[in-house]
Amino acid sequence: MTFRPELLDELLKGYQSPEDLVGTGGILKQLTTALVERCLNAEMAHHLEEERAEPVEATPSRNRRNGHSKKTIKGEFGEAEIAIPRDRNGAFEPVI
């Protein structure tokens, strides 16, 4: 996948030092957090869709989203707090 140069220019607008890229509030940390959270939300959506495809048994209530849990991930950028989606049944196990 190749990104449009205009998108990269917008992301790096205001870049003045390596700290702006890899520092505590740098773009690498922000991008990593956003990408991981979007992947987790996509996994949750897939998890819930699979459960909806199963036949309804004796209980008519279906599993659904039930908020988020906060977790800390570590990388070259330091630590970042992410929101991991939860489901009511507690069956969601993220793969990422």
N, C-alpha and C. Protein backbone atom coordinates (compact mmCIF):
# COMPACT_ATOMS: atom_id res chain seq x y z
N MET A 1 0.84 -1.17 0.00
CA MET A 1 0.00 0.00 0.00
C MET A 1 0.89 1.24 0.00
N THR A 2 0.57 2.16 -0.85
CA THR A 2 1.31 3.41 -0.94
C THR A 2 0.38 4.56 -0.56
N PHE A 3 0.89 5.45 0.27
CA PHE A 3 0.08 6.60 0.69
C PHE A 3 0.33 7.77 -0.23
N ARG A 4 -0.71 8.56 -0.43
CA ARG A 4 -0.58 9.77 -1.24
C ARG A 4 0.42 10.72 -0.57
N PRO A 5 1.29 11.35 -1.35
CA PRO A 5 2.26 12.29 -0.77
C PRO A 5 1.58 13.41 0.02
N GLU A 6 0.38 13.83 -0.40
CA GLU A 6 -0.34 14.90 0.31
C GLU A 6 -0.71 14.46 1.73
N LEU A 7 -1.07 13.19 1.87
CA LEU A 7 -1.42 12.67 3.20
C LEU A 7 -0.19 12.67 4.10
N LEU A 8 0.92 12.21 3.57
CA LEU A 8 2.16 12.21 4.35
C LEU A 8 2.58 13.63 4.71
N ASP A 9 2.43 14.55 3.76
CA ASP A 9 2.76 15.96 4.05
C ASP A 9 1.90 16.50 5.18
N GLU A 10 0.62 16.16 5.17
CA GLU A 10 -0.29 16.63 6.22
C GLU A 10 0.10 16.03 7.57
N LEU A 11 0.44 14.75 7.59
CA LEU A 11 0.84 14.11 8.84
C LEU A 11 2.13 14.71 9.41
N LEU A 12 3.03 15.11 8.53
CA LEU A 12 4.32 15.63 8.98
C LEU A 12 4.36 17.15 9.07
N LYS A 13 3.21 17.79 8.84
CA LYS A 13 3.16 19.26 8.95
C LYS A 13 3.54 19.67 10.37
N GLY A 14 4.42 20.59 10.49
CA GLY A 14 4.87 21.05 11.80
C GLY A 14 6.04 20.25 12.36
N TYR A 15 6.52 19.26 11.61
CA TYR A 15 7.66 18.45 12.06
C TYR A 15 8.90 19.33 12.16
N GLN A 16 9.51 19.32 13.34
CA GLN A 16 10.71 20.12 13.54
C GLN A 16 11.87 19.33 14.12
N SER A 17 11.58 18.22 14.78
CA SER A 17 12.65 17.42 15.38
C SER A 17 12.21 15.97 15.47
N PRO A 18 13.16 15.06 15.68
CA PRO A 18 12.80 13.64 15.83
C PRO A 18 11.78 13.40 16.95
N GLU A 19 11.77 14.23 17.96
CA GLU A 19 10.81 14.11 19.07
C GLU A 19 9.37 14.22 18.55
N ASP A 20 9.16 15.04 17.51
CA ASP A 20 7.83 15.18 16.93
C ASP A 20 7.36 13.89 16.26
N LEU A 21 8.30 13.07 15.87
CA LEU A 21 7.98 11.82 15.19
C LEU A 21 7.90 10.64 16.16
N VAL A 22 8.92 10.49 17.00
CA VAL A 22 9.00 9.31 17.87
C VAL A 22 8.92 9.63 19.35
N GLY A 23 8.70 10.87 19.70
CA GLY A 23 8.64 11.26 21.11
C GLY A 23 7.32 10.89 21.77
N THR A 24 7.16 11.32 23.00
CA THR A 24 5.99 10.99 23.82
C THR A 24 4.67 11.31 23.13
N GLY A 25 4.55 12.46 22.53
CA GLY A 25 3.31 12.83 21.84
C GLY A 25 3.46 12.78 20.34
N GLY A 26 4.48 12.06 19.87
CA GLY A 26 4.79 12.03 18.44
C GLY A 26 3.78 11.27 17.60
N ILE A 27 3.93 11.47 16.30
CA ILE A 27 2.99 10.89 15.34
C ILE A 27 3.04 9.36 15.35
N LEU A 28 4.20 8.75 15.59
CA LEU A 28 4.30 7.30 15.60
C LEU A 28 3.41 6.71 16.69
N LYS A 29 3.42 7.31 17.85
CA LYS A 29 2.58 6.85 18.96
C LYS A 29 1.10 7.01 18.62
N GLN A 30 0.75 8.14 18.06
CA GLN A 30 -0.65 8.40 17.71
C GLN A 30 -1.14 7.44 16.63
N LEU A 31 -0.32 7.22 15.60
CA LEU A 31 -0.70 6.30 14.53
C LEU A 31 -0.82 4.87 15.03
N THR A 32 0.12 4.45 15.86
CA THR A 32 0.08 3.09 16.40
C THR A 32 -1.19 2.88 17.21
N THR A 33 -1.51 3.83 18.07
CA THR A 33 -2.72 3.73 18.89
C THR A 33 -3.96 3.64 18.01
N ALA A 34 -4.06 4.52 17.03
CA ALA A 34 -5.24 4.55 16.15
C ALA A 34 -5.36 3.25 15.35
N LEU A 35 -4.25 2.76 14.81
CA LEU A 35 -4.28 1.54 14.01
C LEU A 35 -4.66 0.32 14.85
N VAL A 36 -4.07 0.19 16.03
CA VAL A 36 -4.37 -0.96 16.89
C VAL A 36 -5.84 -0.93 17.31
N GLU A 37 -6.34 0.24 17.70
CA GLU A 37 -7.74 0.33 18.12
C GLU A 37 -8.70 0.02 16.97
N ARG A 38 -8.40 0.48 15.78
CA ARG A 38 -9.26 0.16 14.63
C ARG A 38 -9.24 -1.32 14.31
N CYS A 39 -8.08 -1.95 14.40
CA CYS A 39 -7.99 -3.39 14.18
C CYS A 39 -8.80 -4.16 15.23
N LEU A 40 -8.68 -3.75 16.49
CA LEU A 40 -9.44 -4.40 17.55
C LEU A 40 -10.94 -4.25 17.35
N ASN A 41 -11.38 -3.08 16.93
CA ASN A 41 -12.81 -2.87 16.68
C ASN A 41 -13.29 -3.71 15.51
N ALA A 42 -12.45 -3.88 14.49
CA ALA A 42 -12.82 -4.74 13.36
C ALA A 42 -12.90 -6.19 13.81
N GLU A 43 -11.97 -6.62 14.66
CA GLU A 43 -12.01 -7.99 15.20
C GLU A 43 -13.29 -8.20 16.01
N MET A 44 -13.67 -7.22 16.82
CA MET A 44 -14.89 -7.33 17.62
C MET A 44 -16.11 -7.44 16.71
N ALA A 45 -16.17 -6.63 15.67
CA ALA A 45 -17.30 -6.68 14.75
C ALA A 45 -17.39 -8.07 14.11
N HIS A 46 -16.26 -8.62 13.71
CA HIS A 46 -16.23 -9.96 13.11
C HIS A 46 -16.67 -11.01 14.13
N HIS A 47 -16.19 -10.90 15.35
CA HIS A 47 -16.56 -11.82 16.43
C HIS A 47 -18.07 -11.81 16.66
N LEU A 48 -18.66 -10.63 16.72
CA LEU A 48 -20.10 -10.54 16.96
C LEU A 48 -20.91 -11.03 15.77
N GLU A 49 -20.41 -10.79 14.55
CA GLU A 49 -21.10 -11.29 13.35
C GLU A 49 -21.11 -12.81 13.31
N GLU A 50 -19.99 -13.43 13.71
CA GLU A 50 -19.94 -14.90 13.75
C GLU A 50 -20.96 -15.45 14.74
N GLU A 51 -21.09 -14.79 15.90
CA GLU A 51 -22.05 -15.25 16.89
C GLU A 51 -23.49 -15.06 16.41
N ARG A 52 -23.75 -14.00 15.66
CA ARG A 52 -25.09 -13.77 15.14
C ARG A 52 -25.49 -14.84 14.12
N ALA A 53 -24.51 -15.40 13.46
CA ALA A 53 -24.78 -16.42 12.45
C ALA A 53 -25.17 -17.76 13.07
N GLU A 54 -24.82 -17.94 14.35
CA GLU A 54 -25.16 -19.19 15.03
C GLU A 54 -26.65 -19.20 15.37
N PRO A 55 -27.27 -20.38 15.39
CA PRO A 55 -28.70 -20.44 15.73
C PRO A 55 -28.97 -20.02 17.17
N VAL A 56 -30.10 -19.37 17.37
CA VAL A 56 -30.49 -18.93 18.71
C VAL A 56 -30.94 -20.15 19.50
N GLU A 57 -30.34 -20.31 20.67
CA GLU A 57 -30.71 -21.45 21.52
C GLU A 57 -31.82 -21.03 22.47
N ALA A 58 -31.80 -21.50 23.67
CA ALA A 58 -32.86 -21.23 24.64
C ALA A 58 -32.88 -19.76 25.07
N THR A 59 -31.74 -19.10 25.06
CA THR A 59 -31.71 -17.71 25.49
C THR A 59 -31.81 -16.79 24.28
N PRO A 60 -32.80 -15.92 24.28
CA PRO A 60 -32.99 -15.03 23.13
C PRO A 60 -32.02 -13.85 23.07
N SER A 61 -31.32 -13.58 24.18
CA SER A 61 -30.43 -12.41 24.18
C SER A 61 -29.14 -12.73 23.42
N ARG A 62 -28.71 -11.78 22.66
CA ARG A 62 -27.50 -11.94 21.85
C ARG A 62 -26.33 -11.20 22.50
N ASN A 63 -25.15 -11.66 22.20
CA ASN A 63 -23.94 -11.00 22.67
C ASN A 63 -23.79 -9.69 21.91
N ARG A 64 -23.27 -8.68 22.58
CA ARG A 64 -23.04 -7.38 21.93
C ARG A 64 -21.91 -6.65 22.64
N ARG A 65 -21.57 -5.51 22.07
CA ARG A 65 -20.50 -4.69 22.66
C ARG A 65 -20.89 -4.25 24.07
N ASN A 66 -19.87 -4.12 24.92
CA ASN A 66 -20.12 -3.72 26.30
C ASN A 66 -18.97 -2.86 26.81
N GLY A 67 -18.69 -1.77 26.12
CA GLY A 67 -17.67 -0.84 26.58
C GLY A 67 -16.26 -1.21 26.14
N HIS A 68 -15.30 -0.64 26.86
CA HIS A 68 -13.88 -0.84 26.56
C HIS A 68 -13.09 -1.03 27.84
N SER A 69 -11.97 -1.70 27.71
CA SER A 69 -10.99 -1.82 28.79
C SER A 69 -9.74 -1.09 28.33
N LYS A 70 -9.04 -0.47 29.25
CA LYS A 70 -7.81 0.23 28.89
C LYS A 70 -6.62 -0.67 29.15
N LYS A 71 -5.71 -0.69 28.17
CA LYS A 71 -4.48 -1.45 28.27
C LYS A 71 -3.34 -0.57 27.80
N THR A 72 -2.14 -0.88 28.25
CA THR A 72 -0.96 -0.14 27.84
C THR A 72 -0.11 -1.02 26.95
N ILE A 73 0.28 -0.48 25.79
CA ILE A 73 1.18 -1.20 24.91
C ILE A 73 2.52 -0.47 24.91
N LYS A 74 3.58 -1.20 24.61
CA LYS A 74 4.92 -0.61 24.59
C LYS A 74 5.51 -0.78 23.20
N GLY A 75 6.25 0.24 22.76
CA GLY A 75 6.90 0.19 21.46
C GLY A 75 8.11 1.09 21.46
N GLU A 76 8.67 1.30 20.29
CA GLU A 76 9.83 2.18 20.16
C GLU A 76 9.50 3.61 20.57
N PHE A 77 8.24 3.96 20.52
CA PHE A 77 7.76 5.30 20.86
C PHE A 77 7.52 5.47 22.35
N GLY A 78 7.69 4.41 23.11
CA GLY A 78 7.39 4.43 24.55
C GLY A 78 6.12 3.65 24.81
N GLU A 79 5.30 4.14 25.72
CA GLU A 79 4.05 3.47 26.06
C GLU A 79 2.86 4.25 25.53
N ALA A 80 1.81 3.52 25.16
CA ALA A 80 0.57 4.15 24.69
C ALA A 80 -0.60 3.40 25.30
N GLU A 81 -1.61 4.13 25.72
CA GLU A 81 -2.81 3.52 26.27
C GLU A 81 -3.82 3.34 25.15
N ILE A 82 -4.36 2.11 25.05
CA ILE A 82 -5.35 1.82 24.02
C ILE A 82 -6.64 1.35 24.68
N ALA A 83 -7.72 1.44 23.94
CA ALA A 83 -9.03 0.98 24.40
C ALA A 83 -9.35 -0.33 23.69
N ILE A 84 -9.52 -1.40 24.48
CA ILE A 84 -9.86 -2.71 23.93
C ILE A 84 -11.35 -2.94 24.12
N PRO A 85 -12.08 -3.23 23.02
CA PRO A 85 -13.53 -3.43 23.15
C PRO A 85 -13.84 -4.71 23.94
N ARG A 86 -14.96 -4.66 24.66
CA ARG A 86 -15.45 -5.82 25.41
C ARG A 86 -16.80 -6.24 24.87
N ASP A 87 -17.13 -7.52 25.08
CA ASP A 87 -18.47 -7.99 24.75
C ASP A 87 -19.15 -8.45 26.05
N ARG A 88 -20.46 -8.52 26.02
CA ARG A 88 -21.23 -8.88 27.22
C ARG A 88 -20.89 -10.27 27.74
N ASN A 89 -20.65 -11.20 26.86
CA ASN A 89 -20.39 -12.58 27.28
C ASN A 89 -18.94 -12.82 27.70
N GLY A 90 -18.07 -11.85 27.46
CA GLY A 90 -16.66 -12.01 27.81
C GLY A 90 -15.95 -13.05 26.95
N ALA A 91 -16.45 -13.29 25.75
CA ALA A 91 -15.90 -14.30 24.87
C ALA A 91 -14.88 -13.73 23.88
N PHE A 92 -14.79 -12.41 23.78
CA PHE A 92 -13.91 -11.80 22.79
C PHE A 92 -12.46 -11.92 23.21
N GLU A 93 -11.65 -12.57 22.36
CA GLU A 93 -10.22 -12.72 22.58
C GLU A 93 -9.50 -12.12 21.38
N PRO A 94 -8.96 -10.91 21.52
CA PRO A 94 -8.29 -10.26 20.37
C PRO A 94 -7.09 -11.09 19.90
N VAL A 95 -6.86 -11.04 18.59
CA VAL A 95 -5.74 -11.75 18.00
C VAL A 95 -4.56 -10.82 17.83
N ILE A 96 -4.83 -9.57 17.51
CA ILE A 96 -3.74 -8.62 17.27
C ILE A 96 -2.93 -8.53 18.51
